[in-house]
Amino acid sequence: MPEFDWLLLTALTWGGLALAAWAFVDSLIRPAGAFVAAGKLTKPGWMAITGLATAIVYLFGLMSFLGLPAIIAATVYLVDVRPAVRGLRRGNSW
């Protein structure tokens, strides 16, 4: 049974790391003006939050003291900020 527990924890940690990295990369590719236009925190702010979340999960794991808040921060970006920023058009809107 300890092998199953270790396997489950490892899978959850890698999944959390993938989630946080996805949020960080997505915040990198979005234009800075879209964050302001959507009324969200600025692009550098979200890059710092999601980058820090990725580093925390990578260094300390998902089940650390800061692991859960890091995953919550990445999830907030993906659920709230990403749809608002992604919905805005780029460039001219002829």
PDB file of N, CA and C in Angstrom:
ATOM      1  N   MET A   1       0.801  -1.203   0.000  1.00  0.00           N
ATOM      2  CA  MET A   1       0.000   0.000   0.000  1.00  0.00           C
ATOM      3  C   MET A   1       0.848   1.273   0.000  1.00  0.00           C
ATOM      4  N   PRO A   2       2.019   1.309   0.638  1.00  0.00           N
ATOM      5  CA  PRO A   2       2.818   2.539   0.591  1.00  0.00           C
ATOM      6  C   PRO A   2       3.237   2.910  -0.826  1.00  0.00           C
ATOM      7  N   GLU A   3       3.371   1.909  -1.710  1.00  0.00           N
ATOM      8  CA  GLU A   3       3.743   2.224  -3.093  1.00  0.00           C
ATOM      9  C   GLU A   3       2.636   3.004  -3.781  1.00  0.00           C
ATOM     10  N   PHE A   4       1.382   2.636  -3.499  1.00  0.00           N
ATOM     11  CA  PHE A   4       0.252   3.344  -4.093  1.00  0.00           C
ATOM     12  C   PHE A   4       0.193   4.782  -3.603  1.00  0.00           C
ATOM     13  N   ASP A   5       0.417   4.984  -2.305  1.00  0.00           N
ATOM     14  CA  ASP A   5       0.409   6.332  -1.749  1.00  0.00           C
ATOM     15  C   ASP A   5       1.486   7.201  -2.388  1.00  0.00           C
ATOM     16  N   TRP A   6       2.674   6.629  -2.539  1.00  0.00           N
ATOM     17  CA  TRP A   6       3.766   7.373  -3.156  1.00  0.00           C
ATOM     18  C   TRP A   6       3.455   7.693  -4.610  1.00  0.00           C
ATOM     19  N   LEU A   7       2.891   6.728  -5.327  1.00  0.00           N
ATOM     20  CA  LEU A   7       2.541   6.934  -6.732  1.00  0.00           C
ATOM     21  C   LEU A   7       1.465   8.002  -6.879  1.00  0.00           C
ATOM     22  N   LEU A   8       0.461   7.979  -6.027  1.00  0.00           N
ATOM     23  CA  LEU A   8      -0.604   8.974  -6.066  1.00  0.00           C
ATOM     24  C   LEU A   8      -0.075  10.371  -5.768  1.00  0.00           C
ATOM     25  N   LEU A   9       0.753  10.488  -4.735  1.00  0.00           N
ATOM     26  CA  LEU A   9       1.329  11.780  -4.382  1.00  0.00           C
ATOM     27  C   LEU A   9       2.228  12.313  -5.496  1.00  0.00           C
ATOM     28  N   THR A  10       3.005  11.437  -6.110  1.00  0.00           N
ATOM     29  CA  THR A  10       3.868  11.841  -7.217  1.00  0.00           C
ATOM     30  C   THR A  10       3.045  12.313  -8.412  1.00  0.00           C
ATOM     31  N   ALA A  11       1.989  11.585  -8.729  1.00  0.00           N
ATOM     32  CA  ALA A  11       1.128  11.975  -9.848  1.00  0.00           C
ATOM     33  C   ALA A  11       0.448  13.309  -9.579  1.00  0.00           C
ATOM     34  N   LEU A  12      -0.030  13.519  -8.357  1.00  0.00           N
ATOM     35  CA  LEU A  12      -0.663  14.793  -8.016  1.00  0.00           C
ATOM     36  C   LEU A  12       0.338  15.949  -8.063  1.00  0.00           C
ATOM     37  N   THR A  13       1.550  15.710  -7.618  1.00  0.00           N
ATOM     38  CA  THR A  13       2.570  16.751  -7.647  1.00  0.00           C
ATOM     39  C   THR A  13       2.925  17.136  -9.081  1.00  0.00           C
ATOM     40  N   TRP A  14       3.116  16.134  -9.949  1.00  0.00           N
ATOM     41  CA  TRP A  14       3.436  16.437 -11.349  1.00  0.00           C
ATOM     42  C   TRP A  14       2.257  17.121 -12.043  1.00  0.00           C
ATOM     43  N   GLY A  15       1.045  16.729 -11.700  1.00  0.00           N
ATOM     44  CA  GLY A  15      -0.128  17.397 -12.250  1.00  0.00           C
ATOM     45  C   GLY A  15      -0.227  18.848 -11.794  1.00  0.00           C
ATOM     46  N   GLY A  16       0.054  19.079 -10.522  1.00  0.00           N
ATOM     47  CA  GLY A  16       0.061  20.453 -10.008  1.00  0.00           C
ATOM     48  C   GLY A  16       1.153  21.289 -10.634  1.00  0.00           C
ATOM     49  N   LEU A  17       2.311  20.681 -10.858  1.00  0.00           N
ATOM     50  CA  LEU A  17       3.404  21.395 -11.512  1.00  0.00           C
ATOM     51  C   LEU A  17       3.032  21.744 -12.955  1.00  0.00           C
ATOM     52  N   ALA A  18       2.395  20.823 -13.648  1.00  0.00           N
ATOM     53  CA  ALA A  18       1.954  21.097 -15.019  1.00  0.00           C
ATOM     54  C   ALA A  18       0.922  22.208 -15.051  1.00  0.00           C
ATOM     55  N   LEU A  19       0.001  22.218 -14.095  1.00  0.00           N
ATOM     56  CA  LEU A  19      -1.018  23.265 -14.013  1.00  0.00           C
ATOM     57  C   LEU A  19      -0.393  24.625 -13.770  1.00  0.00           C
ATOM     58  N   ALA A  20       0.531  24.708 -12.835  1.00  0.00           N
ATOM     59  CA  ALA A  20       1.182  25.977 -12.524  1.00  0.00           C
ATOM     60  C   ALA A  20       2.051  26.453 -13.691  1.00  0.00           C
ATOM     61  N   ALA A  21       2.733  25.524 -14.349  1.00  0.00           N
ATOM     62  CA  ALA A  21       3.561  25.905 -15.498  1.00  0.00           C
ATOM     63  C   ALA A  21       2.693  26.374 -16.658  1.00  0.00           C
ATOM     64  N   TRP A  22       1.554  25.742 -16.867  1.00  0.00           N
ATOM     65  CA  TRP A  22       0.627  26.178 -17.912  1.00  0.00           C
ATOM     66  C   TRP A  22       0.148  27.597 -17.642  1.00  0.00           C
ATOM     67  N   ALA A  23      -0.191  27.899 -16.392  1.00  0.00           N
ATOM     68  CA  ALA A  23      -0.628  29.247 -16.044  1.00  0.00           C
ATOM     69  C   ALA A  23       0.495  30.259 -16.277  1.00  0.00           C
ATOM     70  N   PHE A  24       1.724  29.896 -15.937  1.00  0.00           N
ATOM     71  CA  PHE A  24       2.851  30.812 -16.129  1.00  0.00           C
ATOM     72  C   PHE A  24       3.113  31.079 -17.607  1.00  0.00           C
ATOM     73  N   VAL A  25       3.142  30.032 -18.412  1.00  0.00           N
ATOM     74  CA  VAL A  25       3.396  30.201 -19.844  1.00  0.00           C
ATOM     75  C   VAL A  25       2.262  30.986 -20.490  1.00  0.00           C
ATOM     76  N   ASP A  26       1.037  30.739 -20.080  1.00  0.00           N
ATOM     77  CA  ASP A  26      -0.087  31.483 -20.633  1.00  0.00           C
ATOM     78  C   ASP A  26      -0.010  32.962 -20.280  1.00  0.00           C
ATOM     79  N   SER A  27       0.425  33.264 -19.068  1.00  0.00           N
ATOM     80  CA  SER A  27       0.568  34.674 -18.690  1.00  0.00           C
ATOM     81  C   SER A  27       1.701  35.348 -19.454  1.00  0.00           C
ATOM     82  N   LEU A  28       2.675  34.572 -19.902  1.00  0.00           N
ATOM     83  CA  LEU A  28       3.767  35.127 -20.707  1.00  0.00           C
ATOM     84  C   LEU A  28       3.308  35.524 -22.104  1.00  0.00           C
ATOM     85  N   ILE A  29       2.435  34.738 -22.713  1.00  0.00           N
ATOM     86  CA  ILE A  29       2.093  34.971 -24.111  1.00  0.00           C
ATOM     87  C   ILE A  29       0.958  35.968 -24.311  1.00  0.00           C
ATOM     88  N   ARG A  30       0.241  36.315 -23.271  1.00  0.00           N
ATOM     89  CA  ARG A  30      -0.857  37.275 -23.405  1.00  0.00           C
ATOM     90  C   ARG A  30      -0.312  38.700 -23.453  1.00  0.00           C
ATOM     91  N   PRO A  31      -0.928  39.579 -24.257  1.00  0.00           N
ATOM     92  CA  PRO A  31      -0.456  40.960 -24.328  1.00  0.00           C
ATOM     93  C   PRO A  31      -0.733  41.718 -23.024  1.00  0.00           C
ATOM     94  N   ALA A  32       0.177  42.605 -22.676  1.00  0.00           N
ATOM     95  CA  ALA A  32       0.068  43.337 -21.407  1.00  0.00           C
ATOM     96  C   ALA A  32      -1.162  44.226 -21.358  1.00  0.00           C
ATOM     97  N   GLY A  33      -1.529  44.795 -22.477  1.00  0.00           N
ATOM     98  CA  GLY A  33      -2.689  45.679 -22.504  1.00  0.00           C
ATOM     99  C   GLY A  33      -3.997  44.955 -22.238  1.00  0.00           C
ATOM    100  N   ALA A  34      -4.050  43.674 -22.527  1.00  0.00           N
ATOM    101  CA  ALA A  34      -5.285  42.921 -22.313  1.00  0.00           C
ATOM    102  C   ALA A  34      -5.598  42.774 -20.825  1.00  0.00           C
ATOM    103  N   PHE A  35      -4.584  42.687 -19.997  1.00  0.00           N
ATOM    104  CA  PHE A  35      -4.809  42.569 -18.558  1.00  0.00           C
ATOM    105  C   PHE A  35      -5.453  43.840 -18.013  1.00  0.00           C
ATOM    106  N   VAL A  36      -4.942  44.974 -18.460  1.00  0.00           N
ATOM    107  CA  VAL A  36      -5.485  46.254 -18.008  1.00  0.00           C
ATOM    108  C   VAL A  36      -6.888  46.461 -18.556  1.00  0.00           C
ATOM    109  N   ALA A  37      -7.084  46.103 -19.838  1.00  0.00           N
ATOM    110  CA  ALA A  37      -8.392  46.279 -20.463  1.00  0.00           C
ATOM    111  C   ALA A  37      -9.447  45.386 -19.813  1.00  0.00           C
ATOM    112  N   ALA A  38      -9.040  44.239 -19.326  1.00  0.00           N
ATOM    113  CA  ALA A  38      -9.984  43.326 -18.675  1.00  0.00           C
ATOM    114  C   ALA A  38     -10.219  43.701 -17.214  1.00  0.00           C
ATOM    115  N   GLY A  39      -9.479  44.666 -16.703  1.00  0.00           N
ATOM    116  CA  GLY A  39      -9.653  45.087 -15.318  1.00  0.00           C
ATOM    117  C   GLY A  39      -9.029  44.128 -14.317  1.00  0.00           C
ATOM    118  N   LYS A  40      -7.992  43.432 -14.731  1.00  0.00           N
ATOM    119  CA  LYS A  40      -7.311  42.476 -13.859  1.00  0.00           C
ATOM    120  C   LYS A  40      -5.969  43.046 -13.411  1.00  0.00           C
ATOM    121  N   LEU A  41      -5.296  42.313 -12.541  1.00  0.00           N
ATOM    122  CA  LEU A  41      -3.951  42.676 -12.119  1.00  0.00           C
ATOM    123  C   LEU A  41      -3.045  42.727 -13.348  1.00  0.00           C
ATOM    124  N   THR A  42      -1.994  43.511 -13.302  1.00  0.00           N
ATOM    125  CA  THR A  42      -1.134  43.683 -14.470  1.00  0.00           C
ATOM    126  C   THR A  42      -0.426  42.390 -14.859  1.00  0.00           C
ATOM    127  N   LYS A  43       0.099  42.373 -16.084  1.00  0.00           N
ATOM    128  CA  LYS A  43       0.799  41.199 -16.591  1.00  0.00           C
ATOM    129  C   LYS A  43       2.006  40.842 -15.726  1.00  0.00           C
ATOM    130  N   PRO A  44       2.877  41.801 -15.345  1.00  0.00           N
ATOM    131  CA  PRO A  44       4.004  41.420 -14.468  1.00  0.00           C
ATOM    132  C   PRO A  44       3.547  40.831 -13.126  1.00  0.00           C
ATOM    133  N   GLY A  45       2.433  41.318 -12.625  1.00  0.00           N
ATOM    134  CA  GLY A  45       1.908  40.780 -11.371  1.00  0.00           C
ATOM    135  C   GLY A  45       1.502  39.323 -11.503  1.00  0.00           C
ATOM    136  N   TRP A  46       0.774  39.003 -12.571  1.00  0.00           N
ATOM    137  CA  TRP A  46       0.362  37.620 -12.776  1.00  0.00           C
ATOM    138  C   TRP A  46       1.525  36.732 -13.163  1.00  0.00           C
ATOM    139  N   MET A  47       2.490  37.287 -13.877  1.00  0.00           N
ATOM    140  CA  MET A  47       3.684  36.495 -14.188  1.00  0.00           C
ATOM    141  C   MET A  47       4.437  36.146 -12.912  1.00  0.00           C
ATOM    142  N   ALA A  48       4.525  37.092 -11.991  1.00  0.00           N
ATOM    143  CA  ALA A  48       5.212  36.832 -10.720  1.00  0.00           C
ATOM    144  C   ALA A  48       4.450  35.802  -9.882  1.00  0.00           C
ATOM    145  N   ILE A  49       3.141  35.930  -9.830  1.00  0.00           N
ATOM    146  CA  ILE A  49       2.336  35.001  -9.025  1.00  0.00           C
ATOM    147  C   ILE A  49       2.423  33.590  -9.581  1.00  0.00           C
ATOM    148  N   THR A  50       2.213  33.443 -10.877  1.00  0.00           N
ATOM    149  CA  THR A  50       2.229  32.103 -11.462  1.00  0.00           C
ATOM    150  C   THR A  50       3.643  31.527 -11.525  1.00  0.00           C
ATOM    151  N   GLY A  51       4.640  32.373 -11.731  1.00  0.00           N
ATOM    152  CA  GLY A  51       6.024  31.891 -11.708  1.00  0.00           C
ATOM    153  C   GLY A  51       6.436  31.427 -10.331  1.00  0.00           C
ATOM    154  N   LEU A  52       6.035  32.168  -9.321  1.00  0.00           N
ATOM    155  CA  LEU A  52       6.323  31.770  -7.945  1.00  0.00           C
ATOM    156  C   LEU A  52       5.576  30.483  -7.581  1.00  0.00           C
ATOM    157  N   ALA A  53       4.355  30.363  -8.055  1.00  0.00           N
ATOM    158  CA  ALA A  53       3.588  29.136  -7.807  1.00  0.00           C
ATOM    159  C   ALA A  53       4.278  27.934  -8.436  1.00  0.00           C
ATOM    160  N   THR A  54       4.777  28.098  -9.656  1.00  0.00           N
ATOM    161  CA  THR A  54       5.486  27.014 -10.323  1.00  0.00           C
ATOM    162  C   THR A  54       6.750  26.633  -9.553  1.00  0.00           C
ATOM    163  N   ALA A  55       7.496  27.632  -9.123  1.00  0.00           N
ATOM    164  CA  ALA A  55       8.728  27.364  -8.376  1.00  0.00           C
ATOM    165  C   ALA A  55       8.441  26.682  -7.040  1.00  0.00           C
ATOM    166  N   ILE A  56       7.399  27.086  -6.361  1.00  0.00           N
ATOM    167  CA  ILE A  56       7.058  26.481  -5.069  1.00  0.00           C
ATOM    168  C   ILE A  56       6.686  25.012  -5.238  1.00  0.00           C
ATOM    169  N   VAL A  57       5.849  24.728  -6.231  1.00  0.00           N
ATOM    170  CA  VAL A  57       5.455  23.332  -6.434  1.00  0.00           C
ATOM    171  C   VAL A  57       6.658  22.499  -6.862  1.00  0.00           C
ATOM    172  N   TYR A  58       7.524  23.062  -7.679  1.00  0.00           N
ATOM    173  CA  TYR A  58       8.708  22.327  -8.124  1.00  0.00           C
ATOM    174  C   TYR A  58       9.681  22.065  -6.971  1.00  0.00           C
ATOM    175  N   LEU A  59       9.925  23.078  -6.160  1.00  0.00           N
ATOM    176  CA  LEU A  59      10.925  22.951  -5.104  1.00  0.00           C
ATOM    177  C   LEU A  59      10.418  22.227  -3.858  1.00  0.00           C
ATOM    178  N   PHE A  60       9.188  22.510  -3.458  1.00  0.00           N
ATOM    179  CA  PHE A  60       8.688  21.989  -2.190  1.00  0.00           C
ATOM    180  C   PHE A  60       7.621  20.913  -2.328  1.00  0.00           C
ATOM    181  N   GLY A  61       7.059  20.758  -3.507  1.00  0.00           N
ATOM    182  CA  GLY A  61       6.029  19.754  -3.716  1.00  0.00           C
ATOM    183  C   GLY A  61       4.640  20.295  -3.446  1.00  0.00           C
ATOM    184  N   LEU A  62       3.676  19.495  -3.814  1.00  0.00           N
ATOM    185  CA  LEU A  62       2.285  19.907  -3.698  1.00  0.00           C
ATOM    186  C   LEU A  62       1.803  19.894  -2.257  1.00  0.00           C
ATOM    187  N   MET A  63       2.303  18.977  -1.462  1.00  0.00           N
ATOM    188  CA  MET A  63       1.810  18.823  -0.100  1.00  0.00           C
ATOM    189  C   MET A  63       2.616  19.611   0.924  1.00  0.00           C
ATOM    190  N   SER A  64       3.316  20.621   0.486  1.00  0.00           N
ATOM    191  CA  SER A  64       4.049  21.464   1.426  1.00  0.00           C
ATOM    192  C   SER A  64       3.118  22.539   1.985  1.00  0.00           C
ATOM    193  N   PHE A  65       3.647  23.348   2.879  1.00  0.00           N
ATOM    194  CA  PHE A  65       2.871  24.415   3.503  1.00  0.00           C
ATOM    195  C   PHE A  65       2.382  25.425   2.466  1.00  0.00           C
ATOM    196  N   LEU A  66       3.198  25.705   1.459  1.00  0.00           N
ATOM    197  CA  LEU A  66       2.831  26.676   0.436  1.00  0.00           C
ATOM    198  C   LEU A  66       2.328  26.034  -0.852  1.00  0.00           C
ATOM    199  N   GLY A  67       2.283  24.716  -0.907  1.00  0.00           N
ATOM    200  CA  GLY A  67       1.866  24.029  -2.122  1.00  0.00           C
ATOM    201  C   GLY A  67       0.415  24.286  -2.486  1.00  0.00           C
ATOM    202  N   LEU A  68      -0.476  24.175  -1.531  1.00  0.00           N
ATOM    203  CA  LEU A  68      -1.890  24.396  -1.800  1.00  0.00           C
ATOM    204  C   LEU A  68      -2.183  25.843  -2.196  1.00  0.00           C
ATOM    205  N   PRO A  69      -1.660  26.858  -1.490  1.00  0.00           N
ATOM    206  CA  PRO A  69      -1.891  28.233  -1.965  1.00  0.00           C
ATOM    207  C   PRO A  69      -1.319  28.494  -3.365  1.00  0.00           C
ATOM    208  N   ALA A  70      -0.216  27.832  -3.698  1.00  0.00           N
ATOM    209  CA  ALA A  70       0.362  28.002  -5.029  1.00  0.00           C
ATOM    210  C   ALA A  70      -0.572  27.448  -6.096  1.00  0.00           C
ATOM    211  N   ILE A  71      -1.142  26.286  -5.856  1.00  0.00           N
ATOM    212  CA  ILE A  71      -2.076  25.695  -6.807  1.00  0.00           C
ATOM    213  C   ILE A  71      -3.354  26.524  -6.897  1.00  0.00           C
ATOM    214  N   ILE A  72      -3.806  27.064  -5.792  1.00  0.00           N
ATOM    215  CA  ILE A  72      -4.993  27.919  -5.806  1.00  0.00           C
ATOM    216  C   ILE A  72      -4.734  29.171  -6.639  1.00  0.00           C
ATOM    217  N   ALA A  73      -3.548  29.773  -6.504  1.00  0.00           N
ATOM    218  CA  ALA A  73      -3.212  30.962  -7.285  1.00  0.00           C
ATOM    219  C   ALA A  73      -3.171  30.661  -8.781  1.00  0.00           C
ATOM    220  N   ALA A  74      -2.584  29.541  -9.154  1.00  0.00           N
ATOM    221  CA  ALA A  74      -2.532  29.162 -10.568  1.00  0.00           C
ATOM    222  C   ALA A  74      -3.931  28.861 -11.094  1.00  0.00           C
ATOM    223  N   THR A  75      -4.759  28.240 -10.282  1.00  0.00           N
ATOM    224  CA  THR A  75      -6.127  27.933 -10.695  1.00  0.00           C
ATOM    225  C   THR A  75      -6.956  29.202 -10.849  1.00  0.00           C
ATOM    226  N   VAL A  76      -6.765  30.164  -9.971  1.00  0.00           N
ATOM    227  CA  VAL A  76      -7.471  31.443 -10.096  1.00  0.00           C
ATOM    228  C   VAL A  76      -7.097  32.121 -11.411  1.00  0.00           C
ATOM    229  N   TYR A  77      -5.818  32.078 -11.771  1.00  0.00           N
ATOM    230  CA  TYR A  77      -5.421  32.664 -13.053  1.00  0.00           C
ATOM    231  C   TYR A  77      -6.122  31.951 -14.204  1.00  0.00           C
ATOM    232  N   LEU A  78      -6.095  30.626 -14.200  1.00  0.00           N
ATOM    233  CA  LEU A  78      -6.652  29.873 -15.321  1.00  0.00           C
ATOM    234  C   LEU A  78      -8.173  29.963 -15.411  1.00  0.00           C
ATOM    235  N   VAL A  79      -8.855  30.095 -14.281  1.00  0.00           N
ATOM    236  CA  VAL A  79     -10.313  30.103 -14.283  1.00  0.00           C
ATOM    237  C   VAL A  79     -10.887  31.509 -14.422  1.00  0.00           C
ATOM    238  N   ASP A  80     -10.229  32.502 -13.852  1.00  0.00           N
ATOM    239  CA  ASP A  80     -10.778  33.852 -13.837  1.00  0.00           C
ATOM    240  C   ASP A  80     -10.088  34.791 -14.826  1.00  0.00           C
ATOM    241  N   VAL A  81      -8.784  34.865 -14.770  1.00  0.00           N
ATOM    242  CA  VAL A  81      -8.052  35.861 -15.553  1.00  0.00           C
ATOM    243  C   VAL A  81      -7.910  35.432 -17.008  1.00  0.00           C
ATOM    244  N   ARG A  82      -7.539  34.197 -17.245  1.00  0.00           N
ATOM    245  CA  ARG A  82      -7.298  33.728 -18.615  1.00  0.00           C
ATOM    246  C   ARG A  82      -8.508  33.908 -19.523  1.00  0.00           C
ATOM    247  N   PRO A  83      -9.729  33.522 -19.110  1.00  0.00           N
ATOM    248  CA  PRO A  83     -10.869  33.746 -20.015  1.00  0.00           C
ATOM    249  C   PRO A  83     -11.133  35.225 -20.292  1.00  0.00           C
ATOM    250  N   ALA A  84     -10.909  36.078 -19.303  1.00  0.00           N
ATOM    251  CA  ALA A  84     -11.138  37.511 -19.513  1.00  0.00           C
ATOM    252  C   ALA A  84     -10.111  38.101 -20.468  1.00  0.00           C
ATOM    253  N   VAL A  85      -8.877  37.697 -20.323  1.00  0.00           N
ATOM    254  CA  VAL A  85      -7.801  38.226 -21.171  1.00  0.00           C
ATOM    255  C   VAL A  85      -7.876  37.606 -22.561  1.00  0.00           C
ATOM    256  N   ARG A  86      -8.215  36.344 -22.626  1.00  0.00           N
ATOM    257  CA  ARG A  86      -8.275  35.653 -23.911  1.00  0.00           C
ATOM    258  C   ARG A  86      -9.435  36.135 -24.763  1.00  0.00           C
ATOM    259  N   GLY A  87     -10.488  36.628 -24.144  1.00  0.00           N
ATOM    260  CA  GLY A  87     -11.652  37.087 -24.879  1.00  0.00           C
ATOM    261  C   GLY A  87     -11.460  38.401 -25.606  1.00  0.00           C
ATOM    262  N   LEU A  88     -10.408  39.125 -25.284  1.00  0.00           N
ATOM    263  CA  LEU A  88     -10.178  40.408 -25.928  1.00  0.00           C
ATOM    264  C   LEU A  88      -9.455  40.206 -27.255  1.00  0.00           C
ATOM    265  N   ARG A  89      -9.807  41.033 -28.224  1.00  0.00           N
ATOM    266  CA  ARG A  89      -9.189  40.929 -29.543  1.00  0.00           C
ATOM    267  C   ARG A  89      -7.819  41.573 -29.534  1.00  0.00           C
ATOM    268  N   ARG A  90      -6.957  41.061 -30.415  1.00  0.00           N
ATOM    269  CA  ARG A  90      -5.628  41.644 -30.594  1.00  0.00           C
ATOM    270  C   ARG A  90      -5.650  42.600 -31.772  1.00  0.00           C
ATOM    271  N   GLY A  91      -4.898  43.654 -31.689  1.00  0.00           N
ATOM    272  CA  GLY A  91      -4.730  44.574 -32.807  1.00  0.00           C
ATOM    273  C   GLY A  91      -6.000  45.319 -33.161  1.00  0.00           C
ATOM    274  N   ASN A  92      -6.137  45.658 -34.449  1.00  0.00           N
ATOM    275  CA  ASN A  92      -7.306  46.406 -34.927  1.00  0.00           C
ATOM    276  C   ASN A  92      -8.528  45.500 -34.953  1.00  0.00           C
ATOM    277  N   SER A  93      -9.661  46.084 -34.671  1.00  0.00           N
ATOM    278  CA  SER A  93     -10.909  45.312 -34.696  1.00  0.00           C
ATOM    279  C   SER A  93     -11.816  45.845 -35.812  1.00  0.00           C
ATOM    280  N   TRP A  94     -11.351  45.760 -37.024  1.00  0.00           N
ATOM    281  CA  TRP A  94     -12.123  46.240 -38.156  1.00  0.00           C
ATOM    282  C   TRP A  94     -13.316  45.414 -38.302  1.00  0.00           C
TER     283      TRP A  94
END
